[in-house]
């Protein structure tokens, strides 16, 4: 129990600090170039891990894997990194992590999963917080950055729904599935980076550290699986984002907390990836390490 909670908190710190490193990276490299580099290097490192573990390299369910990778890898990394060019790391991360709410809505529309009770309240709470952050009646500042961050969360949720549908029909190895998603993301992001005119990369110590951090720690801490964050995002990230945004954006952190709490409520009151998170039984919130298909999560 304690080790699982410690692992969740560690992942929250790793993934939370990742936004700071992404913000640093875009000071030295164009956003699409940096995204293409981190995705490409991440794919290589994951395939090396597959070879080391002697896992089969051949992909399965190619079409579904491709679209999951386009949405969860290229879409999320590309849009979120682009948003960080002019937006703050704290505000951008909070807007991206509205993703669980988009997931509830998309799962309702495309998978036929009903939205029940407190999930509607969670959606309303998150939308209210998101509107307060976006501040549509005041277009000063960085509205484009905010919109890009929201679109990154939408893309992530779409990819999560595609990935869930794939895993409902085919028994997939998590590492293989993730690795081929990275390949799909690279197939999209590398041409975008090459075709879009951009300034050269400034190879500095901070940029190299940010690239290594985003390639190794961030990907390998969750096997690079964006679906993993659906399962562990809410509780740890609430505290992390409230602290981070309160530190970086004085006076605005309450809106970020509103979004995060809404995401928590929506996730923990429902079922996602086959998990019972209704909270009606104290034992339901015990932290466990599940098999490699589901990764580290709450059950």
Protein backbone atom coordinates (compact mmCIF):
# COMPACT_ATOMS: atom_id res chain seq x y z
CA UNK A 1 0.00 0.00 0.00
CA UNK A 2 2.65 2.52 1.06
CA UNK A 3 4.98 1.63 -1.79
CA UNK A 4 2.17 2.10 -4.33
CA UNK A 5 1.25 5.51 -2.87
CA UNK A 6 4.93 6.50 -2.92
CA UNK A 7 5.14 5.43 -6.55
CA UNK A 8 2.07 7.53 -7.43
CA UNK A 9 3.55 10.58 -5.71
CA UNK A 10 6.88 10.04 -7.47
CA UNK A 11 5.15 9.86 -10.84
CA UNK A 12 3.25 13.05 -10.02
CA UNK A 13 6.53 14.84 -9.27
CA UNK A 14 8.26 13.49 -12.39
CA UNK A 15 5.39 14.35 -14.71
CA UNK A 16 4.68 17.67 -12.97
CA UNK A 17 8.30 18.84 -13.23
CA UNK A 18 8.28 17.72 -16.85
CA UNK A 19 6.22 20.82 -17.72
CA UNK A 20 8.94 23.04 -16.31
CA UNK A 21 11.52 21.25 -18.46
CA UNK A 22 9.34 21.56 -21.55
CA UNK A 23 9.04 25.31 -20.94
CA UNK A 24 12.83 25.55 -20.67
CA UNK A 25 13.30 23.51 -23.85
CA UNK A 26 11.18 25.81 -26.04
CA UNK A 27 13.51 28.68 -25.14
CA UNK A 28 16.24 26.87 -27.06
CA UNK A 29 14.37 25.00 -29.81
CA UNK A 30 11.20 25.42 -31.90
CA UNK A 31 8.27 23.53 -30.36
CA UNK A 32 7.75 21.08 -33.23
CA UNK A 33 11.46 20.37 -33.50
CA UNK A 34 11.68 19.62 -29.79
CA UNK A 35 8.53 17.47 -29.95
CA UNK A 36 9.89 15.50 -32.91
CA UNK A 37 13.20 14.94 -31.12
CA UNK A 38 11.63 13.74 -27.87
CA UNK A 39 9.17 11.46 -29.66
CA UNK A 40 11.83 10.01 -31.96
CA UNK A 41 14.31 9.41 -29.17
CA UNK A 42 11.55 8.06 -26.96
CA UNK A 43 10.57 5.54 -29.64
CA UNK A 44 14.16 4.39 -30.03
CA UNK A 45 14.62 3.96 -26.27
CA UNK A 46 11.38 1.98 -25.94
CA UNK A 47 12.32 -0.35 -28.80
CA UNK A 48 15.71 -0.91 -27.19
CA UNK A 49 13.83 -1.85 -24.01
CA UNK A 50 11.69 -4.29 -26.01
CA UNK A 51 14.80 -5.90 -27.48
CA UNK A 52 16.41 -6.12 -24.04
CA UNK A 53 13.27 -7.75 -22.61
CA UNK A 54 12.98 -10.02 -25.66
CA UNK A 55 9.47 -8.93 -26.46
CA UNK A 56 8.03 -9.44 -29.97
CA UNK A 57 8.63 -6.36 -32.12
CA UNK A 58 5.83 -6.86 -34.64
CA UNK A 59 2.90 -4.45 -34.20
CA UNK A 60 -0.70 -5.57 -33.67
CA UNK A 61 -3.90 -3.77 -34.62
CA UNK A 62 -1.95 -1.34 -36.80
CA UNK A 63 -4.79 1.03 -37.70
CA UNK A 64 -5.95 1.57 -34.13
CA UNK A 65 -2.40 1.88 -32.85
CA UNK A 66 -1.59 4.46 -35.52
CA UNK A 67 -4.54 6.71 -34.65
CA UNK A 68 -3.93 6.34 -30.93
CA UNK A 69 -0.34 7.44 -31.52
CA UNK A 70 -1.33 10.36 -33.72
CA UNK A 71 -3.75 11.66 -31.09
CA UNK A 72 -1.97 10.71 -27.85
CA UNK A 73 1.61 11.34 -28.95
CA UNK A 74 1.83 13.76 -31.88
CA UNK A 75 -1.32 15.68 -30.95
CA UNK A 76 -0.63 16.01 -27.26
CA UNK A 77 3.10 16.70 -27.42
CA UNK A 78 2.88 18.96 -30.45
CA UNK A 79 0.00 21.12 -29.22
CA UNK A 80 1.10 21.25 -25.58
CA UNK A 81 4.68 22.19 -26.49
CA UNK A 82 3.43 24.82 -28.91
CA UNK A 83 1.23 26.24 -26.14
CA UNK A 84 4.28 26.57 -23.87
CA UNK A 85 6.01 28.96 -26.27
CA UNK A 86 3.88 31.84 -25.02
CA UNK A 87 2.02 30.27 -22.10
CA UNK A 88 3.09 29.49 -18.56
CA UNK A 89 3.91 25.93 -17.57
CA UNK A 90 1.42 25.85 -14.68
CA UNK A 91 -1.58 27.21 -16.56
CA UNK A 92 -0.86 25.10 -19.65
CA UNK A 93 -0.56 21.89 -17.64
CA UNK A 94 -3.86 22.50 -15.84
CA UNK A 95 -5.71 23.09 -19.12
CA UNK A 96 -4.21 19.96 -20.66
CA UNK A 97 -5.21 17.92 -17.61
CA UNK A 98 -8.88 18.69 -18.17
CA UNK A 99 -8.42 15.57 -20.31
CA UNK A 100 -10.35 13.19 -17.96
CA UNK A 101 -13.48 15.28 -18.48
CA UNK A 102 -13.12 15.17 -22.27
CA UNK A 103 -12.57 11.42 -21.90
CA UNK A 104 -15.87 11.01 -20.05
CA UNK A 105 -17.68 12.90 -22.80
CA UNK A 106 -15.99 11.03 -25.67
CA UNK A 107 -16.54 7.66 -23.98
CA UNK A 108 -20.22 8.55 -23.65
CA UNK A 109 -20.48 9.49 -27.33
CA UNK A 110 -18.27 6.82 -28.94
CA UNK A 111 -18.26 3.93 -26.47
CA UNK A 112 -21.74 4.24 -25.07
CA UNK A 113 -20.52 4.64 -21.48
CA UNK A 114 -23.13 6.53 -19.47
CA UNK A 115 -22.25 9.60 -17.43
CA UNK A 116 -23.75 9.23 -13.97
CA UNK A 117 -24.43 11.34 -10.91
CA UNK A 118 -21.35 13.12 -9.65
CA UNK A 119 -19.67 12.87 -13.05
CA UNK A 120 -22.05 15.54 -14.36
CA UNK A 121 -21.13 17.72 -11.39
CA UNK A 122 -17.45 17.11 -12.15
CA UNK A 123 -17.91 18.13 -15.77
CA UNK A 124 -19.64 21.34 -14.72
CA UNK A 125 -16.94 22.10 -12.15
CA UNK A 126 -14.12 21.56 -14.64
CA UNK A 127 -15.82 23.56 -17.38
CA UNK A 128 -16.36 26.43 -14.94
CA UNK A 129 -12.71 26.39 -13.93
CA UNK A 130 -11.60 26.13 -17.56
CA UNK A 131 -13.71 29.14 -18.55
CA UNK A 132 -12.25 31.15 -15.68
CA UNK A 133 -8.75 30.29 -16.90
CA UNK A 134 -9.56 31.00 -20.55
CA UNK A 135 -11.30 34.25 -19.57
CA UNK A 136 -13.18 34.58 -22.91
CA UNK A 137 -14.32 38.14 -22.09
CA UNK A 138 -10.73 39.32 -21.81
CA UNK A 139 -8.66 38.33 -24.85
CA UNK A 140 -5.54 40.08 -23.64
CA UNK A 141 -2.50 37.97 -22.80
CA UNK A 142 -2.04 34.60 -24.49
CA UNK A 143 -5.42 33.27 -25.70
CA UNK A 144 -3.78 31.17 -28.43
CA UNK A 145 -1.67 29.34 -25.85
CA UNK A 146 -4.75 28.54 -23.76
CA UNK A 147 -6.67 27.22 -26.77
CA UNK A 148 -3.74 25.05 -27.82
CA UNK A 149 -3.53 23.60 -24.30
CA UNK A 150 -7.24 22.75 -24.34
CA UNK A 151 -6.88 21.14 -27.79
CA UNK A 152 -3.97 19.05 -26.46
CA UNK A 153 -6.27 17.71 -23.74
CA UNK A 154 -8.99 17.01 -26.30
CA UNK A 155 -6.51 15.15 -28.50
CA UNK A 156 -5.28 13.14 -25.52
CA UNK A 157 -8.83 12.15 -24.58
CA UNK A 158 -9.59 11.12 -28.17
CA UNK A 159 -6.49 8.96 -28.22
CA UNK A 160 -7.41 7.39 -24.88
CA UNK A 161 -10.82 6.38 -26.24
CA UNK A 162 -9.23 4.93 -29.39
CA UNK A 163 -6.69 3.04 -27.28
CA UNK A 164 -9.40 1.66 -25.01
CA UNK A 165 -11.39 0.40 -27.99
CA UNK A 166 -8.26 -1.27 -29.38
CA UNK A 167 -7.47 -2.96 -26.07
CA UNK A 168 -11.05 -4.17 -25.77
CA UNK A 169 -10.69 -6.13 -29.01
CA UNK A 170 -7.03 -7.24 -28.93
CA UNK A 171 -4.85 -8.42 -26.04
CA UNK A 172 -1.87 -6.08 -26.37
CA UNK A 173 1.44 -5.88 -24.56
CA UNK A 174 1.66 -2.39 -23.01
CA UNK A 175 5.27 -1.77 -23.94
CA UNK A 176 4.78 -2.86 -27.55
CA UNK A 177 1.56 -0.86 -27.88
CA UNK A 178 3.25 2.24 -26.48
CA UNK A 179 6.35 1.85 -28.64
CA UNK A 180 4.34 1.65 -31.86
CA UNK A 181 2.26 4.64 -30.77
CA UNK A 182 5.53 6.54 -30.46
CA UNK A 183 6.45 5.49 -34.00
CA UNK A 184 3.07 6.74 -35.26
CA UNK A 185 3.59 10.03 -33.45
CA UNK A 186 7.06 10.39 -34.93
CA UNK A 187 5.70 9.69 -38.43
CA UNK A 188 3.53 12.78 -38.05
CA UNK A 189 5.70 15.10 -35.98
CA UNK A 190 9.03 14.71 -37.82
CA UNK A 191 7.63 15.83 -41.22
CA UNK A 192 5.86 18.75 -39.51
CA UNK A 193 9.12 19.83 -37.87
CA UNK A 194 11.04 19.54 -41.15
CA UNK A 195 8.47 21.37 -43.27
CA UNK A 196 7.76 24.27 -40.92
CA UNK A 197 10.36 27.05 -41.12
CA UNK A 198 12.04 27.46 -37.75
CA UNK A 199 15.11 28.80 -36.04
CA UNK A 200 18.05 26.42 -35.36
CA UNK A 201 18.29 24.53 -32.10
CA UNK A 202 20.56 26.12 -29.51
CA UNK A 203 22.45 23.16 -28.05
CA UNK A 204 22.97 24.19 -24.44
CA UNK A 205 23.21 22.31 -21.16
CA UNK A 206 19.64 23.25 -20.08
CA UNK A 207 18.20 22.11 -23.42
CA UNK A 208 20.11 18.81 -23.40
CA UNK A 209 18.95 18.11 -19.85
CA UNK A 210 15.34 18.93 -20.80
CA UNK A 211 15.56 16.62 -23.82
CA UNK A 212 17.00 13.76 -21.75
CA UNK A 213 14.39 14.32 -19.04
CA UNK A 214 11.55 14.28 -21.55
CA UNK A 215 12.92 11.24 -23.35
CA UNK A 216 13.94 9.01 -20.46
CA UNK A 217 12.35 9.92 -17.13
CA UNK A 218 9.02 11.12 -18.46
CA UNK A 219 8.46 8.28 -20.95
CA UNK A 220 9.92 5.42 -18.95
CA UNK A 221 8.29 6.40 -15.66
CA UNK A 222 4.99 5.29 -17.20
CA UNK A 223 6.26 3.17 -20.07
CA UNK A 224 5.35 6.21 -22.14
CA UNK A 225 1.68 5.21 -22.06
CA UNK A 226 -0.60 8.22 -22.11
CA UNK A 227 -3.47 6.02 -20.90
CA UNK A 228 -1.63 5.47 -17.64
CA UNK A 229 -2.26 9.06 -16.67
CA UNK A 230 -6.01 8.55 -17.00
CA UNK A 231 -5.72 6.16 -14.12
CA UNK A 232 -3.33 8.05 -11.85
CA UNK A 233 -3.87 11.68 -12.86
CA UNK A 234 -6.42 12.94 -10.33
CA UNK A 235 -5.38 12.76 -6.66
CA UNK A 236 -1.62 13.36 -6.91
CA UNK A 237 -1.92 15.98 -9.63
CA UNK A 238 -4.44 18.03 -7.68
CA UNK A 239 -1.91 18.92 -5.02
CA UNK A 240 0.92 19.26 -7.52
CA UNK A 241 -0.87 21.61 -9.89
CA UNK A 242 -2.33 23.73 -7.11
CA UNK A 243 1.14 24.19 -5.63
CA UNK A 244 2.88 24.72 -8.95
CA UNK A 245 0.37 27.18 -10.27
CA UNK A 246 0.10 29.04 -6.99
CA UNK A 247 3.88 29.47 -7.06
CA UNK A 248 4.11 30.54 -10.71
CA UNK A 249 0.78 32.33 -11.20
CA UNK A 250 -0.10 34.22 -7.98
CA UNK A 251 -3.77 35.13 -7.73
CA UNK A 252 -4.93 32.60 -10.36
CA UNK A 253 -4.18 29.24 -8.73
CA UNK A 254 -7.75 28.78 -7.43
CA UNK A 255 -9.07 28.31 -10.96
CA UNK A 256 -6.49 25.60 -11.57
CA UNK A 257 -7.56 23.84 -8.40
CA UNK A 258 -11.18 24.00 -9.55
CA UNK A 259 -10.28 22.27 -12.81
CA UNK A 260 -8.13 19.67 -11.06
CA UNK A 261 -10.76 18.84 -8.43
CA UNK A 262 -13.37 18.52 -11.17
CA UNK A 263 -11.11 16.09 -13.00
CA UNK A 264 -10.63 14.14 -9.78
CA UNK A 265 -14.33 13.86 -9.12
CA UNK A 266 -15.16 12.82 -12.66
CA UNK A 267 -12.52 10.13 -12.69
CA UNK A 268 -12.96 8.67 -9.22
CA UNK A 269 -16.73 8.43 -9.44
CA UNK A 270 -16.72 6.24 -12.52
CA UNK A 271 -15.13 3.29 -14.28
CA UNK A 272 -12.32 3.68 -16.78
CA UNK A 273 -9.96 1.08 -18.17
CA UNK A 274 -11.99 -1.54 -16.27
CA UNK A 275 -11.37 0.02 -12.85
CA UNK A 276 -13.99 0.38 -10.14
CA UNK A 277 -13.51 3.84 -8.68
CA UNK A 278 -16.89 4.57 -7.15
CA UNK A 279 -15.43 5.04 -3.69
CA UNK A 280 -18.36 3.34 -1.97
CA UNK A 281 -16.08 0.81 -0.30
CA UNK A 282 -13.00 1.92 1.60
CA UNK A 283 -11.06 -0.93 0.05
CA UNK A 284 -11.76 0.38 -3.43
CA UNK A 285 -9.15 3.08 -2.97
CA UNK A 286 -6.32 0.80 -1.98
CA UNK A 287 -3.39 1.29 -4.34
CA UNK A 288 -2.20 -1.77 -6.18
CA UNK A 289 0.24 -2.63 -8.91
CA UNK A 290 -1.71 -4.39 -11.63
CA UNK A 291 -0.39 -6.45 -14.52
CA UNK A 292 1.63 -4.95 -17.37
CA UNK A 293 -1.50 -4.39 -19.45
CA UNK A 294 -2.89 -1.87 -16.98
CA UNK A 295 0.29 -0.54 -15.39
CA UNK A 296 0.31 1.36 -12.09
CA UNK A 297 -3.14 2.53 -11.15
CA UNK A 298 -5.83 2.80 -8.50
CA UNK A 299 -8.30 -0.04 -8.02
